[in-house]
């Protein structure tokens, strides 16, 4: 049994469902989406709202991650 795609994309007019067009951000080409997203990231860094890890913070996070995995008896086969 085939399932219908419920994503809000334009359908081919075959009568299998409502016709919906892409709007806003979804209607833009991927390159334009990346440009807009990049501007948001730059703005966050300039305004001081973006967090940048220090070496000490990164080290502590790594230790915490490895300790949690070791506590679960994990192996390399298990997903992260």
PDB file of N, CA and C in Angstrom:
ATOM      1  N   UNK A   1       0.842  -1.176   0.000  1.00  0.00           N
ATOM      2  CA  UNK A   1       0.000   0.000   0.000  1.00  0.00           C
ATOM      3  C   UNK A   1       0.887   1.238   0.000  1.00  0.00           C
ATOM      4  N   UNK A   2       0.707   2.122  -0.925  1.00  0.00           N
ATOM      5  CA  UNK A   2       1.524   3.321  -1.040  1.00  0.00           C
ATOM      6  C   UNK A   2       1.010   4.391  -0.086  1.00  0.00           C
ATOM      7  N   UNK A   3       1.939   5.093   0.554  1.00  0.00           N
ATOM      8  CA  UNK A   3       1.535   6.157   1.457  1.00  0.00           C
ATOM      9  C   UNK A   3       1.651   7.492   0.744  1.00  0.00           C
ATOM     10  N   UNK A   4       0.782   8.419   1.115  1.00  0.00           N
ATOM     11  CA  UNK A   4       0.817   9.733   0.506  1.00  0.00           C
ATOM     12  C   UNK A   4       1.813  10.601   1.244  1.00  0.00           C
ATOM     13  N   UNK A   5       2.481  11.461   0.507  1.00  0.00           N
ATOM     14  CA  UNK A   5       3.401  12.416   1.094  1.00  0.00           C
ATOM     15  C   UNK A   5       2.591  13.593   1.613  1.00  0.00           C
ATOM     16  N   UNK A   6       2.676  13.862   2.908  1.00  0.00           N
ATOM     17  CA  UNK A   6       1.870  14.930   3.486  1.00  0.00           C
ATOM     18  C   UNK A   6       2.644  16.232   3.606  1.00  0.00           C
ATOM     19  N   UNK A   7       3.796  16.332   2.953  1.00  0.00           N
ATOM     20  CA  UNK A   7       4.557  17.561   3.035  1.00  0.00           C
ATOM     21  C   UNK A   7       3.851  18.655   2.248  1.00  0.00           C
ATOM     22  N   UNK A   8       4.033  19.908   2.699  1.00  0.00           N
ATOM     23  CA  UNK A   8       3.318  21.006   2.056  1.00  0.00           C
ATOM     24  C   UNK A   8       3.971  21.423   0.744  1.00  0.00           C
ATOM     25  N   UNK A   9       3.991  20.547  -0.214  1.00  0.00           N
ATOM     26  CA  UNK A   9       4.565  20.849  -1.507  1.00  0.00           C
ATOM     27  C   UNK A   9       3.476  20.809  -2.554  1.00  0.00           C
ATOM     28  N   UNK A  10       3.760  21.454  -3.654  1.00  0.00           N
ATOM     29  CA  UNK A  10       2.817  21.470  -4.747  1.00  0.00           C
ATOM     30  C   UNK A  10       2.662  20.065  -5.297  1.00  0.00           C
ATOM     31  N   UNK A  11       1.439  19.628  -5.443  1.00  0.00           N
ATOM     32  CA  UNK A  11       1.217  18.305  -6.003  1.00  0.00           C
ATOM     33  C   UNK A  11       1.009  18.441  -7.498  1.00  0.00           C
ATOM     34  N   UNK A  12       1.126  17.339  -8.189  1.00  0.00           N
ATOM     35  CA  UNK A  12       1.117  17.371  -9.645  1.00  0.00           C
ATOM     36  C   UNK A  12      -0.273  17.509 -10.259  1.00  0.00           C
ATOM     37  N   UNK A  13      -1.295  17.712  -9.471  1.00  0.00           N
ATOM     38  CA  UNK A  13      -2.631  17.899 -10.006  1.00  0.00           C
ATOM     39  C   UNK A  13      -3.315  16.605 -10.366  1.00  0.00           C
ATOM     40  N   UNK A  14      -2.855  15.489  -9.826  1.00  0.00           N
ATOM     41  CA  UNK A  14      -3.444  14.198 -10.140  1.00  0.00           C
ATOM     42  C   UNK A  14      -4.737  13.951  -9.366  1.00  0.00           C
ATOM     43  N   UNK A  15      -5.130  14.904  -8.515  1.00  0.00           N
ATOM     44  CA  UNK A  15      -6.376  14.766  -7.785  1.00  0.00           C
ATOM     45  C   UNK A  15      -6.261  13.913  -6.534  1.00  0.00           C
ATOM     46  N   UNK A  16      -5.064  13.611  -6.077  1.00  0.00           N
ATOM     47  CA  UNK A  16      -4.869  12.756  -4.909  1.00  0.00           C
ATOM     48  C   UNK A  16      -4.879  13.525  -3.598  1.00  0.00           C
ATOM     49  N   UNK A  17      -5.054  14.815  -3.646  1.00  0.00           N
ATOM     50  CA  UNK A  17      -5.050  15.574  -2.407  1.00  0.00           C
ATOM     51  C   UNK A  17      -5.131  17.053  -2.694  1.00  0.00           C
ATOM     52  N   UNK A  18      -5.172  17.852  -1.631  1.00  0.00           N
ATOM     53  CA  UNK A  18      -5.269  19.300  -1.829  1.00  0.00           C
ATOM     54  C   UNK A  18      -3.979  19.848  -2.422  1.00  0.00           C
ATOM     55  N   UNK A  19      -4.119  20.848  -3.252  1.00  0.00           N
ATOM     56  CA  UNK A  19      -2.947  21.484  -3.845  1.00  0.00           C
ATOM     57  C   UNK A  19      -2.449  22.541  -2.880  1.00  0.00           C
ATOM     58  N   UNK A  20      -1.211  22.432  -2.459  1.00  0.00           N
ATOM     59  CA  UNK A  20      -0.634  23.406  -1.545  1.00  0.00           C
ATOM     60  C   UNK A  20       0.669  23.894  -2.139  1.00  0.00           C
ATOM     61  N   UNK A  21       0.885  25.169  -2.078  1.00  0.00           N
ATOM     62  CA  UNK A  21       2.131  25.716  -2.602  1.00  0.00           C
ATOM     63  C   UNK A  21       3.066  26.053  -1.450  1.00  0.00           C
ATOM     64  N   UNK A  22       4.334  26.016  -1.741  1.00  0.00           N
ATOM     65  CA  UNK A  22       5.330  26.389  -0.748  1.00  0.00           C
ATOM     66  C   UNK A  22       5.261  27.889  -0.536  1.00  0.00           C
ATOM     67  N   UNK A  23       5.449  28.300   0.707  1.00  0.00           N
ATOM     68  CA  UNK A  23       5.382  29.713   1.020  1.00  0.00           C
ATOM     69  C   UNK A  23       6.567  30.102   1.883  1.00  0.00           C
ATOM     70  N   UNK A  24       6.938  31.355   1.820  1.00  0.00           N
ATOM     71  CA  UNK A  24       7.968  31.891   2.692  1.00  0.00           C
ATOM     72  C   UNK A  24       9.324  31.227   2.512  1.00  0.00           C
ATOM     73  N   UNK A  25       9.926  30.883   3.641  1.00  0.00           N
ATOM     74  CA  UNK A  25      11.278  30.319   3.653  1.00  0.00           C
ATOM     75  C   UNK A  25      11.363  29.037   2.833  1.00  0.00           C
ATOM     76  N   UNK A  26      10.331  28.206   2.894  1.00  0.00           N
ATOM     77  CA  UNK A  26      10.336  26.931   2.182  1.00  0.00           C
ATOM     78  C   UNK A  26      10.315  27.117   0.671  1.00  0.00           C
ATOM     79  N   UNK A  27       9.813  28.241   0.197  1.00  0.00           N
ATOM     80  CA  UNK A  27       9.719  28.475  -1.234  1.00  0.00           C
ATOM     81  C   UNK A  27      11.036  28.966  -1.829  1.00  0.00           C
ATOM     82  N   UNK A  28      11.955  29.381  -0.980  1.00  0.00           N
ATOM     83  CA  UNK A  28      13.227  29.918  -1.471  1.00  0.00           C
ATOM     84  C   UNK A  28      14.149  28.798  -1.911  1.00  0.00           C
ATOM     85  N   UNK A  29      15.060  29.158  -2.793  1.00  0.00           N
ATOM     86  CA  UNK A  29      16.036  28.142  -3.199  1.00  0.00           C
ATOM     87  C   UNK A  29      17.011  27.924  -2.038  1.00  0.00           C
ATOM     88  N   UNK A  30      17.603  26.746  -1.958  1.00  0.00           N
ATOM     89  CA  UNK A  30      18.477  26.394  -0.818  1.00  0.00           C
ATOM     90  C   UNK A  30      19.629  27.374  -0.596  1.00  0.00           C
ATOM     91  N   UNK A  31      20.184  27.921  -1.668  1.00  0.00           N
ATOM     92  CA  UNK A  31      21.291  28.865  -1.510  1.00  0.00           C
ATOM     93  C   UNK A  31      20.825  30.123  -0.768  1.00  0.00           C
ATOM     94  N   UNK A  32      19.653  30.624  -1.101  1.00  0.00           N
ATOM     95  CA  UNK A  32      19.112  31.816  -0.433  1.00  0.00           C
ATOM     96  C   UNK A  32      18.799  31.510   1.031  1.00  0.00           C
ATOM     97  N   UNK A  33      18.299  30.321   1.316  1.00  0.00           N
ATOM     98  CA  UNK A  33      18.036  29.920   2.700  1.00  0.00           C
ATOM     99  C   UNK A  33      19.328  29.935   3.503  1.00  0.00           C
ATOM    100  N   UNK A  34      20.405  29.408   2.933  1.00  0.00           N
ATOM    101  CA  UNK A  34      21.699  29.392   3.623  1.00  0.00           C
ATOM    102  C   UNK A  34      22.197  30.813   3.898  1.00  0.00           C
ATOM    103  N   UNK A  35      22.010  31.714   2.910  1.00  0.00           N
ATOM    104  CA  UNK A  35      22.447  33.098   3.091  1.00  0.00           C
ATOM    105  C   UNK A  35      21.712  33.751   4.262  1.00  0.00           C
ATOM    106  N   UNK A  36      20.407  33.547   4.327  1.00  0.00           N
ATOM    107  CA  UNK A  36      19.613  34.141   5.401  1.00  0.00           C
ATOM    108  C   UNK A  36      20.001  33.546   6.754  1.00  0.00           C
ATOM    109  N   UNK A  37      20.165  32.233   6.815  1.00  0.00           N
ATOM    110  CA  UNK A  37      20.553  31.574   8.064  1.00  0.00           C
ATOM    111  C   UNK A  37      21.931  32.049   8.522  1.00  0.00           C
ATOM    112  N   UNK A  38      22.826  32.252   7.576  1.00  0.00           N
ATOM    113  CA  UNK A  38      24.164  32.724   7.892  1.00  0.00           C
ATOM    114  C   UNK A  38      24.118  34.118   8.514  1.00  0.00           C
ATOM    115  N   UNK A  39      23.247  34.969   7.987  1.00  0.00           N
ATOM    116  CA  UNK A  39      23.106  36.309   8.558  1.00  0.00           C
ATOM    117  C   UNK A  39      22.641  36.245  10.003  1.00  0.00           C
ATOM    118  N   UNK A  40      21.742  35.332  10.306  1.00  0.00           N
ATOM    119  CA  UNK A  40      21.264  35.177  11.673  1.00  0.00           C
ATOM    120  C   UNK A  40      22.378  34.750  12.610  1.00  0.00           C
ATOM    121  N   UNK A  41      23.204  33.831  12.151  1.00  0.00           N
ATOM    122  CA  UNK A  41      24.325  33.380  12.976  1.00  0.00           C
ATOM    123  C   UNK A  41      25.330  34.481  13.228  1.00  0.00           C
ATOM    124  N   UNK A  42      25.618  35.245  12.189  1.00  0.00           N
ATOM    125  CA  UNK A  42      26.562  36.361  12.355  1.00  0.00           C
ATOM    126  C   UNK A  42      26.006  37.403  13.311  1.00  0.00           C
ATOM    127  N   UNK A  43      24.724  37.694  13.205  1.00  0.00           N
ATOM    128  CA  UNK A  43      24.099  38.689  14.076  1.00  0.00           C
ATOM    129  C   UNK A  43      24.164  38.228  15.534  1.00  0.00           C
ATOM    130  N   UNK A  44      23.943  36.940  15.763  1.00  0.00           N
ATOM    131  CA  UNK A  44      23.994  36.419  17.129  1.00  0.00           C
ATOM    132  C   UNK A  44      25.384  36.578  17.720  1.00  0.00           C
ATOM    133  N   UNK A  45      26.402  36.322  16.933  1.00  0.00           N
ATOM    134  CA  UNK A  45      27.770  36.467  17.429  1.00  0.00           C
ATOM    135  C   UNK A  45      28.103  37.938  17.688  1.00  0.00           C
ATOM    136  N   UNK A  46      27.670  38.808  16.789  1.00  0.00           N
ATOM    137  CA  UNK A  46      27.971  40.232  16.960  1.00  0.00           C
ATOM    138  C   UNK A  46      27.273  40.821  18.183  1.00  0.00           C
ATOM    139  N   UNK A  47      26.078  40.351  18.483  1.00  0.00           N
ATOM    140  CA  UNK A  47      25.341  40.885  19.624  1.00  0.00           C
ATOM    141  C   UNK A  47      25.719  40.208  20.937  1.00  0.00           C
ATOM    142  N   UNK A  48      26.524  39.151  20.850  1.00  0.00           N
ATOM    143  CA  UNK A  48      26.969  38.475  22.058  1.00  0.00           C
ATOM    144  C   UNK A  48      26.027  37.402  22.567  1.00  0.00           C
ATOM    145  N   UNK A  49      25.035  37.017  21.772  1.00  0.00           N
ATOM    146  CA  UNK A  49      24.078  36.008  22.196  1.00  0.00           C
ATOM    147  C   UNK A  49      24.502  34.590  21.828  1.00  0.00           C
ATOM    148  N   UNK A  50      25.467  34.454  20.947  1.00  0.00           N
ATOM    149  CA  UNK A  50      25.930  33.123  20.546  1.00  0.00           C
ATOM    150  C   UNK A  50      26.998  32.658  21.539  1.00  0.00           C
ATOM    151  N   UNK A  51      26.903  31.407  21.940  1.00  0.00           N
ATOM    152  CA  UNK A  51      27.855  30.877  22.908  1.00  0.00           C
ATOM    153  C   UNK A  51      29.033  30.230  22.183  1.00  0.00           C
ATOM    154  N   UNK A  52      30.223  30.566  22.602  1.00  0.00           N
ATOM    155  CA  UNK A  52      31.429  29.928  22.080  1.00  0.00           C
ATOM    156  C   UNK A  52      32.109  29.221  23.244  1.00  0.00           C
ATOM    157  N   UNK A  53      32.358  27.936  23.067  1.00  0.00           N
ATOM    158  CA  UNK A  53      32.976  27.162  24.129  1.00  0.00           C
ATOM    159  C   UNK A  53      34.436  27.542  24.299  1.00  0.00           C
ATOM    160  N   UNK A  54      34.847  27.681  25.549  1.00  0.00           N
ATOM    161  CA  UNK A  54      36.260  27.846  25.843  1.00  0.00           C
ATOM    162  C   UNK A  54      36.890  26.459  25.847  1.00  0.00           C
ATOM    163  N   UNK A  55      38.187  26.406  25.880  1.00  0.00           N
ATOM    164  CA  UNK A  55      38.886  25.124  25.926  1.00  0.00           C
ATOM    165  C   UNK A  55      38.474  24.330  27.158  1.00  0.00           C
ATOM    166  N   UNK A  56      38.343  25.020  28.285  1.00  0.00           N
ATOM    167  CA  UNK A  56      37.976  24.345  29.529  1.00  0.00           C
ATOM    168  C   UNK A  56      36.553  23.791  29.453  1.00  0.00           C
ATOM    169  N   UNK A  57      35.634  24.561  28.897  1.00  0.00           N
ATOM    170  CA  UNK A  57      34.254  24.085  28.762  1.00  0.00           C
ATOM    171  C   UNK A  57      34.173  22.871  27.843  1.00  0.00           C
ATOM    172  N   UNK A  58      34.910  22.922  26.747  1.00  0.00           N
ATOM    173  CA  UNK A  58      34.908  21.803  25.804  1.00  0.00           C
ATOM    174  C   UNK A  58      35.502  20.552  26.450  1.00  0.00           C
ATOM    175  N   UNK A  59      36.559  20.729  27.209  1.00  0.00           N
ATOM    176  CA  UNK A  59      37.185  19.599  27.895  1.00  0.00           C
ATOM    177  C   UNK A  59      36.219  18.990  28.905  1.00  0.00           C
ATOM    178  N   UNK A  60      35.542  19.831  29.681  1.00  0.00           N
ATOM    179  CA  UNK A  60      34.586  19.340  30.683  1.00  0.00           C
ATOM    180  C   UNK A  60      33.429  18.602  30.007  1.00  0.00           C
ATOM    181  N   UNK A  61      32.951  19.123  28.887  1.00  0.00           N
ATOM    182  CA  UNK A  61      31.855  18.465  28.172  1.00  0.00           C
ATOM    183  C   UNK A  61      32.304  17.112  27.636  1.00  0.00           C
ATOM    184  N   UNK A  62      33.520  17.038  27.139  1.00  0.00           N
ATOM    185  CA  UNK A  62      34.050  15.769  26.635  1.00  0.00           C
ATOM    186  C   UNK A  62      34.178  14.738  27.743  1.00  0.00           C
ATOM    187  N   UNK A  63      34.675  15.177  28.903  1.00  0.00           N
ATOM    188  CA  UNK A  63      34.802  14.260  30.035  1.00  0.00           C
ATOM    189  C   UNK A  63      33.443  13.750  30.477  1.00  0.00           C
ATOM    190  N   UNK A  64      32.481  14.656  30.521  1.00  0.00           N
ATOM    191  CA  UNK A  64      31.134  14.290  30.927  1.00  0.00           C
ATOM    192  C   UNK A  64      30.542  13.273  29.943  1.00  0.00           C
ATOM    193  N   UNK A  65      30.756  13.504  28.667  1.00  0.00           N
ATOM    194  CA  UNK A  65      30.245  12.607  27.628  1.00  0.00           C
ATOM    195  C   UNK A  65      30.869  11.221  27.753  1.00  0.00           C
ATOM    196  N   UNK A  66      32.175  11.185  27.916  1.00  0.00           N
ATOM    197  CA  UNK A  66      32.866   9.896  28.018  1.00  0.00           C
ATOM    198  C   UNK A  66      32.498   9.166  29.306  1.00  0.00           C
ATOM    199  N   UNK A  67      32.302   9.903  30.368  1.00  0.00           N
ATOM    200  CA  UNK A  67      31.914   9.280  31.636  1.00  0.00           C
ATOM    201  C   UNK A  67      30.513   8.681  31.526  1.00  0.00           C
ATOM    202  N   UNK A  68      29.621   9.368  30.848  1.00  0.00           N
ATOM    203  CA  UNK A  68      28.255   8.858  30.684  1.00  0.00           C
ATOM    204  C   UNK A  68      28.258   7.587  29.837  1.00  0.00           C
ATOM    205  N   UNK A  69      29.066   7.565  28.804  1.00  0.00           N
ATOM    206  CA  UNK A  69      29.134   6.378  27.939  1.00  0.00           C
ATOM    207  C   UNK A  69      29.776   5.214  28.685  1.00  0.00           C
ATOM    208  N   UNK A  70      30.790   5.480  29.481  1.00  0.00           N
ATOM    209  CA  UNK A  70      31.460   4.420  30.222  1.00  0.00           C
ATOM    210  C   UNK A  70      30.539   3.858  31.295  1.00  0.00           C
ATOM    211  N   UNK A  71      29.705   4.694  31.884  1.00  0.00           N
ATOM    212  CA  UNK A  71      28.766   4.253  32.917  1.00  0.00           C
ATOM    213  C   UNK A  71      27.685   3.344  32.377  1.00  0.00           C
ATOM    214  N   UNK A  72      27.389   3.454  31.109  1.00  0.00           N
ATOM    215  CA  UNK A  72      26.336   2.622  30.492  1.00  0.00           C
ATOM    216  C   UNK A  72      26.885   1.309  29.947  1.00  0.00           C
ATOM    217  N   UNK A  73      28.181   1.084  30.085  1.00  0.00           N
ATOM    218  CA  UNK A  73      28.775  -0.123  29.544  1.00  0.00           C
ATOM    219  C   UNK A  73      28.670  -0.168  28.027  1.00  0.00           C
ATOM    220  N   UNK A  74      28.787   0.995  27.419  1.00  0.00           N
ATOM    221  CA  UNK A  74      28.589   1.077  25.971  1.00  0.00           C
ATOM    222  C   UNK A  74      29.789   0.532  25.216  1.00  0.00           C
ATOM    223  N   UNK A  75      29.527   0.164  23.997  1.00  0.00           N
ATOM    224  CA  UNK A  75      30.590  -0.252  23.098  1.00  0.00           C
ATOM    225  C   UNK A  75      30.547   0.631  21.872  1.00  0.00           C
ATOM    226  N   UNK A  76      31.446   0.421  20.962  1.00  0.00           N
ATOM    227  CA  UNK A  76      31.488   1.242  19.748  1.00  0.00           C
ATOM    228  C   UNK A  76      30.282   0.981  18.859  1.00  0.00           C
ATOM    229  N   UNK A  77      29.541  -0.098  19.097  1.00  0.00           N
ATOM    230  CA  UNK A  77      28.406  -0.442  18.262  1.00  0.00           C
ATOM    231  C   UNK A  77      27.166   0.376  18.577  1.00  0.00           C
ATOM    232  N   UNK A  78      27.081   0.935  19.780  1.00  0.00           N
ATOM    233  CA  UNK A  78      25.866   1.615  20.185  1.00  0.00           C
ATOM    234  C   UNK A  78      25.810   3.019  19.605  1.00  0.00           C
ATOM    235  N   UNK A  79      24.601   3.479  19.257  1.00  0.00           N
ATOM    236  CA  UNK A  79      24.469   4.838  18.709  1.00  0.00           C
ATOM    237  C   UNK A  79      24.701   5.860  19.794  1.00  0.00           C
ATOM    238  N   UNK A  80      25.068   7.054  19.377  1.00  0.00           N
ATOM    239  CA  UNK A  80      25.358   8.140  20.322  1.00  0.00           C
ATOM    240  C   UNK A  80      24.104   8.775  20.803  1.00  0.00           C
TER     241      UNK A  80
END
